[in-house]
């Protein structure tokens, strides 16, 4: 029971940290969080929702700067599994970003 609580707490902290990271990043990019930034954030959340829960957790921990080894430990998966799922999730997320017009295809080709 205690381990389950710790896992939940760690996921909750990671999600809160990601939200704070995004807010800080938006504020630095846009000066303040305006309507266009909010729309962008909603589009990103919609894109993330296309991933399954484990893939979202892997992407979030990697975006937060955790290493593959740390991500593997946090998600109770092997390093190879994390690397494979991360690559697949990044491709799915890029497709979702394209579909939601968050990025342009030329950006992916650069």
Protein backbone atom coordinates (compact mmCIF):
# COMPACT_ATOMS: atom_id res chain seq x y z
CA UNK A 1 0.00 0.00 0.00
CA UNK A 2 2.78 2.43 0.90
CA UNK A 3 4.58 1.74 -2.40
CA UNK A 4 1.38 2.41 -4.35
CA UNK A 5 0.97 5.71 -2.51
CA UNK A 6 4.57 6.67 -3.29
CA UNK A 7 4.04 5.86 -6.99
CA UNK A 8 0.88 7.96 -7.05
CA UNK A 9 2.63 10.80 -5.21
CA UNK A 10 5.58 10.70 -7.62
CA UNK A 11 3.27 10.81 -10.65
CA UNK A 12 1.31 13.67 -9.10
CA UNK A 13 4.50 15.62 -8.37
CA UNK A 14 5.78 15.01 -11.92
CA UNK A 15 2.51 16.25 -13.42
CA UNK A 16 2.51 19.35 -11.21
CA UNK A 17 6.15 20.01 -12.08
CA UNK A 18 5.39 19.68 -15.78
CA UNK A 19 2.48 22.10 -15.47
CA UNK A 20 4.73 24.59 -13.67
CA UNK A 21 7.46 24.12 -16.27
CA UNK A 22 4.98 24.81 -19.06
CA UNK A 23 3.64 27.93 -17.32
CA UNK A 24 7.16 29.29 -16.76
CA UNK A 25 8.13 28.46 -20.33
CA UNK A 26 5.00 30.17 -21.68
CA UNK A 27 5.60 33.23 -19.54
CA UNK A 28 9.18 33.49 -20.79
CA UNK A 29 8.09 33.04 -24.43
CA UNK A 30 4.99 35.23 -24.42
CA UNK A 31 5.69 37.63 -21.54
CA UNK A 32 2.44 36.59 -19.88
CA UNK A 33 -0.01 33.80 -20.33
CA UNK A 34 -2.50 35.22 -22.81
CA UNK A 35 -5.33 33.68 -24.76
CA UNK A 36 -3.11 32.25 -27.51
CA UNK A 37 -0.91 30.56 -24.90
CA UNK A 38 -3.95 29.03 -23.22
CA UNK A 39 -5.22 27.71 -26.57
CA UNK A 40 -1.75 26.29 -27.24
CA UNK A 41 -1.68 24.60 -23.83
CA UNK A 42 -5.12 23.04 -24.44
CA UNK A 43 -3.89 21.75 -27.81
CA UNK A 44 -0.80 20.23 -26.17
CA UNK A 45 -2.96 18.58 -23.49
CA UNK A 46 -5.24 17.20 -26.23
CA UNK A 47 -2.20 15.81 -28.03
CA UNK A 48 -0.83 14.24 -24.85
CA UNK A 49 -4.20 12.60 -24.23
CA UNK A 50 -3.73 10.55 -27.41
CA UNK A 51 -0.94 8.63 -25.64
CA UNK A 52 -1.61 5.85 -23.18
CA UNK A 53 -0.90 6.57 -19.52
CA UNK A 54 2.54 4.92 -19.41
CA UNK A 55 3.71 6.70 -22.56
CA UNK A 56 2.52 10.03 -21.11
CA UNK A 57 4.46 9.35 -17.91
CA UNK A 58 7.58 8.49 -19.89
CA UNK A 59 7.30 11.64 -22.02
CA UNK A 60 6.65 13.82 -18.97
CA UNK A 61 9.62 12.46 -17.03
CA UNK A 62 11.90 12.84 -20.05
CA UNK A 63 10.70 16.43 -20.66
CA UNK A 64 11.40 17.17 -17.00
CA UNK A 65 15.00 16.09 -17.58
CA UNK A 66 15.04 12.64 -16.01
CA UNK A 67 17.50 10.23 -17.62
CA UNK A 68 16.38 7.00 -19.27
CA UNK A 69 17.62 5.10 -16.19
CA UNK A 70 15.69 7.35 -13.81
CA UNK A 71 12.57 7.12 -15.98
CA UNK A 72 12.88 3.34 -16.04
CA UNK A 73 13.10 3.26 -12.25
CA UNK A 74 10.13 5.63 -11.80
CA UNK A 75 7.92 3.69 -14.23
CA UNK A 76 9.09 0.23 -13.11
CA UNK A 77 10.23 -0.65 -16.65
CA UNK A 78 13.56 -1.65 -18.16
CA UNK A 79 15.76 0.91 -19.87
CA UNK A 80 15.23 -0.69 -23.29
CA UNK A 81 11.46 -0.62 -22.84
CA UNK A 82 11.61 3.06 -21.87
CA UNK A 83 13.77 3.89 -24.90
CA UNK A 84 11.41 2.07 -27.27
CA UNK A 85 8.24 3.49 -25.76
CA UNK A 86 9.76 6.96 -25.67
CA UNK A 87 10.64 6.84 -29.37
CA UNK A 88 7.19 5.54 -30.27
CA UNK A 89 5.44 8.11 -28.06
CA UNK A 90 7.51 10.93 -29.55
CA UNK A 91 6.41 9.88 -33.05
CA UNK A 92 2.76 9.69 -31.94
CA UNK A 93 3.04 13.05 -30.23
CA UNK A 94 4.60 14.64 -33.32
CA UNK A 95 1.71 13.29 -35.41
CA UNK A 96 -0.79 14.68 -32.90
CA UNK A 97 1.00 18.06 -32.88
CA UNK A 98 0.76 18.13 -36.68
CA UNK A 99 -2.92 17.17 -36.61
CA UNK A 100 -3.68 19.89 -34.05
CA UNK A 101 -1.58 22.48 -35.96
CA UNK A 102 0.77 22.96 -33.02
CA UNK A 103 3.79 22.52 -35.25
CA UNK A 104 4.30 22.62 -38.99
CA UNK A 105 5.75 19.80 -41.05
CA UNK A 106 8.70 22.02 -42.03
CA UNK A 107 9.71 22.19 -38.37
CA UNK A 108 10.00 18.39 -38.25
CA UNK A 109 12.15 18.36 -41.39
CA UNK A 110 14.62 20.91 -39.99
